Amino acid sequence: MDINDIYGIIDKFDASGCSELNLEMNGICLGLKKTMHEAICDVPVKRDIVRINTEQEQTVTTIQDVQPQSDEHIKEIKAPLVGTFYTAAGPDEEPFVKPGQSVHAGDVIGIIEAMKLMNEVTADCDGTVKEVAAENGTMVEYGQPLVILN
């Protein structure tokens, strides 16, 4: 086997689909190996067309702007900050306000704990407590109603 025979074997190997060739002939060992790349082929992909109904039913609701007479003078005392709302100074203490109780501007209606600080929440007007809207020990958001006054 001479060099031209070896070049011929290499050319045939390159043109073939084989990835490895080991040849031993007349005391000469020849090992050939090539990296096979994945064949890339374009296969058409069938795309299903899905029709979506975009029509919406038109529902018209008429809302009359009528409020009961008793709700005309309602005032909400809202949370001035985010935190945990407490209705009393301590677990065994009486609540600051109860439904039916009269309050005056500046009276404490609850406490909000934020960042380990206790912040008193005060009434900003006179009135009678209609409802304590936030429960004791619950997390409240800024602007959330805490107490509703008549």
Foldseek 3Di string as FASTA:
>chain_A
DDPVVVVVVVVVVVPDPDAWDWDADPNDIDIDGHDDDDDDDDDDDDDDDDDDDPDDDDDDDDDDPDDDPVCPPKDFQWDQAWAWKAQAPDPPGDGQADAFDKFAFFRFRIWGQDPNDTHTRTHRGTFGWHDQPDDGGDIDHGGHGGTMGD
